PDB file of N, CA and C in Angstrom:
ATOM      1  N   UNK A   1     -91.300  -0.436  14.254  1.00  0.00           N
ATOM      2  CA  UNK A   1     -89.883  -0.295  13.984  1.00  0.00           C
ATOM      3  C   UNK A   1     -89.207   0.496  15.099  1.00  0.00           C
ATOM      4  N   UNK A   2     -89.875   1.527  15.554  1.00  0.00           N
ATOM      5  CA  UNK A   2     -89.298   2.335  16.633  1.00  0.00           C
ATOM      6  C   UNK A   2     -89.121   1.482  17.883  1.00  0.00           C
ATOM      7  N   UNK A   3     -90.126   0.681  18.191  1.00  0.00           N
ATOM      8  CA  UNK A   3     -90.032  -0.188  19.370  1.00  0.00           C
ATOM      9  C   UNK A   3     -88.875  -1.169  19.236  1.00  0.00           C
ATOM     10  N   UNK A   4     -88.665  -1.701  18.044  1.00  0.00           N
ATOM     11  CA  UNK A   4     -87.568  -2.648  17.829  1.00  0.00           C
ATOM     12  C   UNK A   4     -86.226  -2.001  18.147  1.00  0.00           C
ATOM     13  N   UNK A   5     -86.082  -0.730  17.797  1.00  0.00           N
ATOM     14  CA  UNK A   5     -84.831  -0.020  18.070  1.00  0.00           C
ATOM     15  C   UNK A   5     -84.738   0.333  19.554  1.00  0.00           C
ATOM     16  N   UNK A   6     -85.783   0.951  20.082  1.00  0.00           N
ATOM     17  CA  UNK A   6     -85.754   1.394  21.480  1.00  0.00           C
ATOM     18  C   UNK A   6     -85.565   0.226  22.437  1.00  0.00           C
ATOM     19  N   UNK A   7     -86.268  -0.872  22.160  1.00  0.00           N
ATOM     20  CA  UNK A   7     -86.212  -2.033  23.055  1.00  0.00           C
ATOM     21  C   UNK A   7     -85.147  -3.054  22.651  1.00  0.00           C
ATOM     22  N   UNK A   8     -84.383  -2.737  21.622  1.00  0.00           N
ATOM     23  CA  UNK A   8     -83.343  -3.645  21.129  1.00  0.00           C
ATOM     24  C   UNK A   8     -83.920  -5.040  20.889  1.00  0.00           C
ATOM     25  N   UNK A   9     -85.026  -5.091  20.153  1.00  0.00           N
ATOM     26  CA  UNK A   9     -85.762  -6.341  19.976  1.00  0.00           C
ATOM     27  C   UNK A   9     -85.162  -7.307  18.958  1.00  0.00           C
ATOM     28  N   UNK A  10     -84.210  -6.846  18.161  1.00  0.00           N
ATOM     29  CA  UNK A  10     -83.624  -7.709  17.129  1.00  0.00           C
ATOM     30  C   UNK A  10     -84.740  -8.296  16.258  1.00  0.00           C
ATOM     31  N   UNK A  11     -85.580  -7.414  15.742  1.00  0.00           N
ATOM     32  CA  UNK A  11     -86.754  -7.812  14.959  1.00  0.00           C
ATOM     33  C   UNK A  11     -86.422  -7.841  13.471  1.00  0.00           C
ATOM     34  N   UNK A  12     -86.895  -8.887  12.792  1.00  0.00           N
ATOM     35  CA  UNK A  12     -86.726  -9.007  11.349  1.00  0.00           C
ATOM     36  C   UNK A  12     -87.877  -8.281  10.663  1.00  0.00           C
ATOM     37  N   UNK A  13     -87.552  -7.277   9.854  1.00  0.00           N
ATOM     38  CA  UNK A  13     -88.557  -6.482   9.155  1.00  0.00           C
ATOM     39  C   UNK A  13     -88.049  -6.144   7.756  1.00  0.00           C
ATOM     40  N   UNK A  14     -88.955  -5.723   6.908  1.00  0.00           N
ATOM     41  CA  UNK A  14     -88.568  -5.178   5.607  1.00  0.00           C
ATOM     42  C   UNK A  14     -88.392  -3.676   5.785  1.00  0.00           C
ATOM     43  N   UNK A  15     -87.246  -3.171   5.368  1.00  0.00           N
ATOM     44  CA  UNK A  15     -86.971  -1.744   5.533  1.00  0.00           C
ATOM     45  C   UNK A  15     -86.014  -1.281   4.435  1.00  0.00           C
ATOM     46  N   UNK A  16     -86.041   0.003   4.196  1.00  0.00           N
ATOM     47  CA  UNK A  16     -85.099   0.591   3.260  1.00  0.00           C
ATOM     48  C   UNK A  16     -83.739   0.659   3.944  1.00  0.00           C
ATOM     49  N   UNK A  17     -82.743   0.053   3.319  1.00  0.00           N
ATOM     50  CA  UNK A  17     -81.404   0.006   3.910  1.00  0.00           C
ATOM     51  C   UNK A  17     -80.370   0.340   2.841  1.00  0.00           C
ATOM     52  N   UNK A  18     -79.260   0.902   3.283  1.00  0.00           N
ATOM     53  CA  UNK A  18     -78.165   1.265   2.385  1.00  0.00           C
ATOM     54  C   UNK A  18     -77.387  -0.002   2.034  1.00  0.00           C
ATOM     55  N   UNK A  19     -77.356  -0.323   0.748  1.00  0.00           N
ATOM     56  CA  UNK A  19     -76.687  -1.540   0.314  1.00  0.00           C
ATOM     57  C   UNK A  19     -75.239  -1.273  -0.069  1.00  0.00           C
ATOM     58  N   UNK A  20     -74.386  -2.194   0.340  1.00  0.00           N
ATOM     59  CA  UNK A  20     -72.946  -2.114   0.046  1.00  0.00           C
ATOM     60  C   UNK A  20     -72.507  -3.381  -0.663  1.00  0.00           C
ATOM     61  N   UNK A  21     -73.273  -3.745  -1.688  1.00  0.00           N
ATOM     62  CA  UNK A  21     -72.959  -4.943  -2.443  1.00  0.00           C
ATOM     63  C   UNK A  21     -73.984  -6.054  -2.257  1.00  0.00           C
ATOM     64  N   UNK A  22     -74.843  -5.931  -1.242  1.00  0.00           N
ATOM     65  CA  UNK A  22     -75.875  -6.935  -1.050  1.00  0.00           C
ATOM     66  C   UNK A  22     -76.806  -6.939  -2.263  1.00  0.00           C
ATOM     67  N   UNK A  23     -77.244  -8.101  -2.627  1.00  0.00           N
ATOM     68  CA  UNK A  23     -78.135  -8.287  -3.776  1.00  0.00           C
ATOM     69  C   UNK A  23     -77.540  -7.716  -5.069  1.00  0.00           C
ATOM     70  N   UNK A  24     -76.220  -7.542  -5.092  1.00  0.00           N
ATOM     71  CA  UNK A  24     -75.559  -7.027  -6.290  1.00  0.00           C
ATOM     72  C   UNK A  24     -75.703  -5.534  -6.496  1.00  0.00           C
ATOM     73  N   UNK A  25     -76.121  -4.810  -5.444  1.00  0.00           N
ATOM     74  CA  UNK A  25     -76.303  -3.360  -5.554  1.00  0.00           C
ATOM     75  C   UNK A  25     -75.424  -2.646  -4.531  1.00  0.00           C
ATOM     76  N   UNK A  26     -74.950  -1.483  -4.922  1.00  0.00           N
ATOM     77  CA  UNK A  26     -74.034  -0.725  -4.071  1.00  0.00           C
ATOM     78  C   UNK A  26     -74.429   0.748  -4.079  1.00  0.00           C
ATOM     79  N   UNK A  27     -74.287   1.377  -2.920  1.00  0.00           N
ATOM     80  CA  UNK A  27     -74.514   2.822  -2.779  1.00  0.00           C
ATOM     81  C   UNK A  27     -75.942   3.232  -3.141  1.00  0.00           C
ATOM     82  N   UNK A  28     -76.908   2.464  -2.667  1.00  0.00           N
ATOM     83  CA  UNK A  28     -78.314   2.757  -2.918  1.00  0.00           C
ATOM     84  C   UNK A  28     -79.141   2.237  -1.738  1.00  0.00           C
ATOM     85  N   UNK A  29     -80.211   2.938  -1.443  1.00  0.00           N
ATOM     86  CA  UNK A  29     -81.160   2.471  -0.431  1.00  0.00           C
ATOM     87  C   UNK A  29     -82.270   1.702  -1.135  1.00  0.00           C
ATOM     88  N   UNK A  30     -82.509   0.450  -0.700  1.00  0.00           N
ATOM     89  CA  UNK A  30     -83.607  -0.359  -1.238  1.00  0.00           C
ATOM     90  C   UNK A  30     -84.295  -1.091  -0.097  1.00  0.00           C
ATOM     91  N   UNK A  31     -85.536  -1.441  -0.297  1.00  0.00           N
ATOM     92  CA  UNK A  31     -86.277  -2.205   0.700  1.00  0.00           C
ATOM     93  C   UNK A  31     -85.840  -3.663   0.683  1.00  0.00           C
ATOM     94  N   UNK A  32     -85.281  -4.112   1.784  1.00  0.00           N
ATOM     95  CA  UNK A  32     -84.770  -5.481   1.920  1.00  0.00           C
ATOM     96  C   UNK A  32     -85.052  -5.977   3.338  1.00  0.00           C
ATOM     97  N   UNK A  33     -84.955  -7.288   3.573  1.00  0.00           N
ATOM     98  CA  UNK A  33     -85.143  -7.781   4.936  1.00  0.00           C
ATOM     99  C   UNK A  33     -83.928  -7.437   5.803  1.00  0.00           C
ATOM    100  N   UNK A  34     -84.209  -6.845   6.965  1.00  0.00           N
ATOM    101  CA  UNK A  34     -83.130  -6.440   7.871  1.00  0.00           C
ATOM    102  C   UNK A  34     -83.450  -6.861   9.305  1.00  0.00           C
ATOM    103  N   UNK A  35     -82.416  -6.915  10.109  1.00  0.00           N
ATOM    104  CA  UNK A  35     -82.568  -7.128  11.540  1.00  0.00           C
ATOM    105  C   UNK A  35     -82.438  -5.762  12.206  1.00  0.00           C
ATOM    106  N   UNK A  36     -83.498  -5.350  12.916  1.00  0.00           N
ATOM    107  CA  UNK A  36     -83.492  -4.048  13.596  1.00  0.00           C
ATOM    108  C   UNK A  36     -83.263  -4.252  15.078  1.00  0.00           C
ATOM    109  N   UNK A  37     -82.386  -3.436  15.620  1.00  0.00           N
ATOM    110  CA  UNK A  37     -82.112  -3.457  17.048  1.00  0.00           C
ATOM    111  C   UNK A  37     -81.653  -2.092  17.509  1.00  0.00           C
ATOM    112  N   UNK A  38     -81.009  -2.053  18.631  1.00  0.00           N
ATOM    113  CA  UNK A  38     -80.554  -0.808  19.247  1.00  0.00           C
ATOM    114  C   UNK A  38     -79.746   0.065  18.287  1.00  0.00           C
ATOM    115  N   UNK A  39     -78.993  -0.556  17.410  1.00  0.00           N
ATOM    116  CA  UNK A  39     -78.134   0.191  16.487  1.00  0.00           C
ATOM    117  C   UNK A  39     -78.789   0.444  15.137  1.00  0.00           C
ATOM    118  N   UNK A  40     -80.100   0.318  15.074  1.00  0.00           N
ATOM    119  CA  UNK A  40     -80.806   0.475  13.802  1.00  0.00           C
ATOM    120  C   UNK A  40     -80.693  -0.801  12.996  1.00  0.00           C
ATOM    121  N   UNK A  41     -80.329  -0.679  11.722  1.00  0.00           N
ATOM    122  CA  UNK A  41     -80.145  -1.870  10.886  1.00  0.00           C
ATOM    123  C   UNK A  41     -78.865  -2.554  11.332  1.00  0.00           C
ATOM    124  N   UNK A  42     -79.021  -3.722  11.922  1.00  0.00           N
ATOM    125  CA  UNK A  42     -77.867  -4.452  12.437  1.00  0.00           C
ATOM    126  C   UNK A  42     -77.377  -5.520  11.478  1.00  0.00           C
ATOM    127  N   UNK A  43     -78.255  -5.920  10.573  1.00  0.00           N
ATOM    128  CA  UNK A  43     -77.866  -6.929   9.583  1.00  0.00           C
ATOM    129  C   UNK A  43     -78.838  -6.868   8.416  1.00  0.00           C
ATOM    130  N   UNK A  44     -78.310  -7.074   7.219  1.00  0.00           N
ATOM    131  CA  UNK A  44     -79.137  -7.199   6.028  1.00  0.00           C
ATOM    132  C   UNK A  44     -79.133  -8.672   5.645  1.00  0.00           C
ATOM    133  N   UNK A  45     -80.322  -9.239   5.486  1.00  0.00           N
ATOM    134  CA  UNK A  45     -80.442 -10.639   5.088  1.00  0.00           C
ATOM    135  C   UNK A  45     -80.559 -10.722   3.577  1.00  0.00           C
ATOM    136  N   UNK A  46     -79.685 -11.510   2.971  1.00  0.00           N
ATOM    137  CA  UNK A  46     -79.755 -11.740   1.528  1.00  0.00           C
ATOM    138  C   UNK A  46     -80.476 -13.056   1.292  1.00  0.00           C
ATOM    139  N   UNK A  47     -81.691 -12.964   0.800  1.00  0.00           N
ATOM    140  CA  UNK A  47     -82.483 -14.145   0.499  1.00  0.00           C
ATOM    141  C   UNK A  47     -82.172 -14.630  -0.908  1.00  0.00           C
ATOM    142  N   UNK A  48     -82.320 -15.925  -1.119  1.00  0.00           N
ATOM    143  CA  UNK A  48     -82.194 -16.473  -2.474  1.00  0.00           C
ATOM    144  C   UNK A  48     -83.436 -16.027  -3.251  1.00  0.00           C
ATOM    145  N   UNK A  49     -83.211 -15.353  -4.351  1.00  0.00           N
ATOM    146  CA  UNK A  49     -84.321 -14.823  -5.148  1.00  0.00           C
ATOM    147  C   UNK A  49     -84.480 -15.623  -6.430  1.00  0.00           C
ATOM    148  N   UNK A  50     -85.718 -15.768  -6.863  1.00  0.00           N
ATOM    149  CA  UNK A  50     -85.974 -16.375  -8.167  1.00  0.00           C
ATOM    150  C   UNK A  50     -85.535 -15.377  -9.238  1.00  0.00           C
ATOM    151  N   UNK A  51     -85.488 -15.833 -10.455  1.00  0.00           N
ATOM    152  CA  UNK A  51     -85.121 -14.945 -11.563  1.00  0.00           C
ATOM    153  C   UNK A  51     -86.086 -13.766 -11.630  1.00  0.00           C
ATOM    154  N   UNK A  52     -87.370 -14.041 -11.487  1.00  0.00           N
ATOM    155  CA  UNK A  52     -88.372 -12.965 -11.550  1.00  0.00           C
ATOM    156  C   UNK A  52     -88.211 -11.994 -10.393  1.00  0.00           C
ATOM    157  N   UNK A  53     -87.936 -12.503  -9.198  1.00  0.00           N
ATOM    158  CA  UNK A  53     -87.740 -11.624  -8.036  1.00  0.00           C
ATOM    159  C   UNK A  53     -86.503 -10.758  -8.217  1.00  0.00           C
ATOM    160  N   UNK A  54     -85.437 -11.338  -8.740  1.00  0.00           N
ATOM    161  CA  UNK A  54     -84.197 -10.587  -8.986  1.00  0.00           C
ATOM    162  C   UNK A  54     -84.447  -9.494 -10.015  1.00  0.00           C
ATOM    163  N   UNK A  55     -85.192  -9.811 -11.059  1.00  0.00           N
ATOM    164  CA  UNK A  55     -85.502  -8.815 -12.081  1.00  0.00           C
ATOM    165  C   UNK A  55     -86.324  -7.677 -11.494  1.00  0.00           C
ATOM    166  N   UNK A  56     -87.263  -8.014 -10.618  1.00  0.00           N
ATOM    167  CA  UNK A  56     -88.091  -6.978  -9.990  1.00  0.00           C
ATOM    168  C   UNK A  56     -87.246  -6.091  -9.081  1.00  0.00           C
ATOM    169  N   UNK A  57     -86.338  -6.683  -8.317  1.00  0.00           N
ATOM    170  CA  UNK A  57     -85.457  -5.894  -7.446  1.00  0.00           C
ATOM    171  C   UNK A  57     -84.553  -4.991  -8.279  1.00  0.00           C
ATOM    172  N   UNK A  58     -83.996  -5.531  -9.342  1.00  0.00           N
ATOM    173  CA  UNK A  58     -83.127  -4.738 -10.218  1.00  0.00           C
ATOM    174  C   UNK A  58     -83.904  -3.590 -10.867  1.00  0.00           C
ATOM    175  N   UNK A  59     -85.148  -3.850 -11.268  1.00  0.00           N
ATOM    176  CA  UNK A  59     -85.987  -2.794 -11.858  1.00  0.00           C
ATOM    177  C   UNK A  59     -86.272  -1.714 -10.821  1.00  0.00           C
ATOM    178  N   UNK A  60     -86.498  -2.121  -9.592  1.00  0.00           N
ATOM    179  CA  UNK A  60     -86.725  -1.159  -8.513  1.00  0.00           C
ATOM    180  C   UNK A  60     -85.492  -0.287  -8.312  1.00  0.00           C
ATOM    181  N   UNK A  61     -84.321  -0.901  -8.307  1.00  0.00           N
ATOM    182  CA  UNK A  61     -83.077  -0.154  -8.146  1.00  0.00           C
ATOM    183  C   UNK A  61     -82.894   0.840  -9.288  1.00  0.00           C
ATOM    184  N   UNK A  62     -83.204   0.417 -10.497  1.00  0.00           N
ATOM    185  CA  UNK A  62     -83.090   1.312 -11.647  1.00  0.00           C
ATOM    186  C   UNK A  62     -84.047   2.495 -11.517  1.00  0.00           C
ATOM    187  N   UNK A  63     -85.238   2.240 -11.013  1.00  0.00           N
ATOM    188  CA  UNK A  63     -86.214   3.322 -10.833  1.00  0.00           C
ATOM    189  C   UNK A  63     -85.737   4.308  -9.777  1.00  0.00           C
ATOM    190  N   UNK A  64     -85.158   3.804  -8.688  1.00  0.00           N
ATOM    191  CA  UNK A  64     -84.629   4.692  -7.647  1.00  0.00           C
ATOM    192  C   UNK A  64     -83.497   5.537  -8.216  1.00  0.00           C
ATOM    193  N   UNK A  65     -82.587   4.905  -8.947  1.00  0.00           N
ATOM    194  CA  UNK A  65     -81.461   5.641  -9.530  1.00  0.00           C
ATOM    195  C   UNK A  65     -81.947   6.692 -10.526  1.00  0.00           C
ATOM    196  N   UNK A  66     -82.958   6.372 -11.321  1.00  0.00           N
ATOM    197  CA  UNK A  66     -83.516   7.339 -12.274  1.00  0.00           C
ATOM    198  C   UNK A  66     -84.148   8.508 -11.526  1.00  0.00           C
ATOM    199  N   UNK A  67     -84.838   8.218 -10.436  1.00  0.00           N
ATOM    200  CA  UNK A  67     -85.427   9.285  -9.627  1.00  0.00           C
ATOM    201  C   UNK A  67     -84.377  10.205  -9.045  1.00  0.00           C
ATOM    202  N   UNK A  68     -83.275   9.635  -8.596  1.00  0.00           N
ATOM    203  CA  UNK A  68     -82.180  10.437  -8.042  1.00  0.00           C
ATOM    204  C   UNK A  68     -81.589  11.336  -9.128  1.00  0.00           C
ATOM    205  N   UNK A  69     -81.372  10.764 -10.307  1.00  0.00           N
ATOM    206  CA  UNK A  69     -80.838  11.576 -11.415  1.00  0.00           C
ATOM    207  C   UNK A  69     -81.786  12.721 -11.757  1.00  0.00           C
ATOM    208  N   UNK A  70     -83.081  12.465 -11.761  1.00  0.00           N
ATOM    209  CA  UNK A  70     -84.064  13.515 -12.042  1.00  0.00           C
ATOM    210  C   UNK A  70     -83.992  14.603 -10.986  1.00  0.00           C
ATOM    211  N   UNK A  71     -83.951  14.207  -9.725  1.00  0.00           N
ATOM    212  CA  UNK A  71     -83.866  15.196  -8.648  1.00  0.00           C
ATOM    213  C   UNK A  71     -82.585  16.029  -8.744  1.00  0.00           C
ATOM    214  N   UNK A  72     -81.505  15.407  -9.151  1.00  0.00           N
ATOM    215  CA  UNK A  72     -80.239  16.132  -9.278  1.00  0.00           C
ATOM    216  C   UNK A  72     -80.319  17.201 -10.352  1.00  0.00           C
ATOM    217  N   UNK A  73     -81.137  16.999 -11.388  1.00  0.00           N
ATOM    218  CA  UNK A  73     -81.264  18.018 -12.430  1.00  0.00           C
ATOM    219  C   UNK A  73     -82.166  19.172 -11.987  1.00  0.00           C
ATOM    220  N   UNK A  74     -83.050  18.884 -11.030  1.00  0.00           N
ATOM    221  CA  UNK A  74     -84.000  19.895 -10.547  1.00  0.00           C
ATOM    222  C   UNK A  74     -83.398  20.738  -9.430  1.00  0.00           C
ATOM    223  N   UNK A  75     -82.712  20.068  -8.508  1.00  0.00           N
ATOM    224  CA  UNK A  75     -82.220  20.748  -7.309  1.00  0.00           C
ATOM    225  C   UNK A  75     -80.738  20.986  -7.388  1.00  0.00           C
ATOM    226  N   UNK A  76     -80.353  22.235  -7.189  1.00  0.00           N
ATOM    227  CA  UNK A  76     -78.941  22.579  -7.104  1.00  0.00           C
ATOM    228  C   UNK A  76     -78.700  23.259  -5.765  1.00  0.00           C
ATOM    229  N   UNK A  77     -77.915  22.637  -4.889  1.00  0.00           N
ATOM    230  CA  UNK A  77     -77.669  23.249  -3.577  1.00  0.00           C
ATOM    231  C   UNK A  77     -76.959  24.604  -3.719  1.00  0.00           C
ATOM    232  N   UNK A  78     -77.194  25.464  -2.776  1.00  0.00           N
ATOM    233  CA  UNK A  78     -76.437  26.706  -2.712  1.00  0.00           C
ATOM    234  C   UNK A  78     -77.213  27.875  -3.088  1.00  0.00           C
TER     235      UNK A  78
END
């Protein structure tokens, strides 16, 4: 991944990326196919998912959100 960024390779990889509506999710980092280049994540690819794949992605998003909520109850800045 580092080489893809340093060398601007425009490499397609699976990576955690900040979603802004892709795959129906917003304001969350999830592992999705991305194009990596000089600017980091240059594009998020939205693949057609089966019903089972969509359910698995949605379950993953729910688990991430639950983890964030748990961390917020444990950690208080300041």
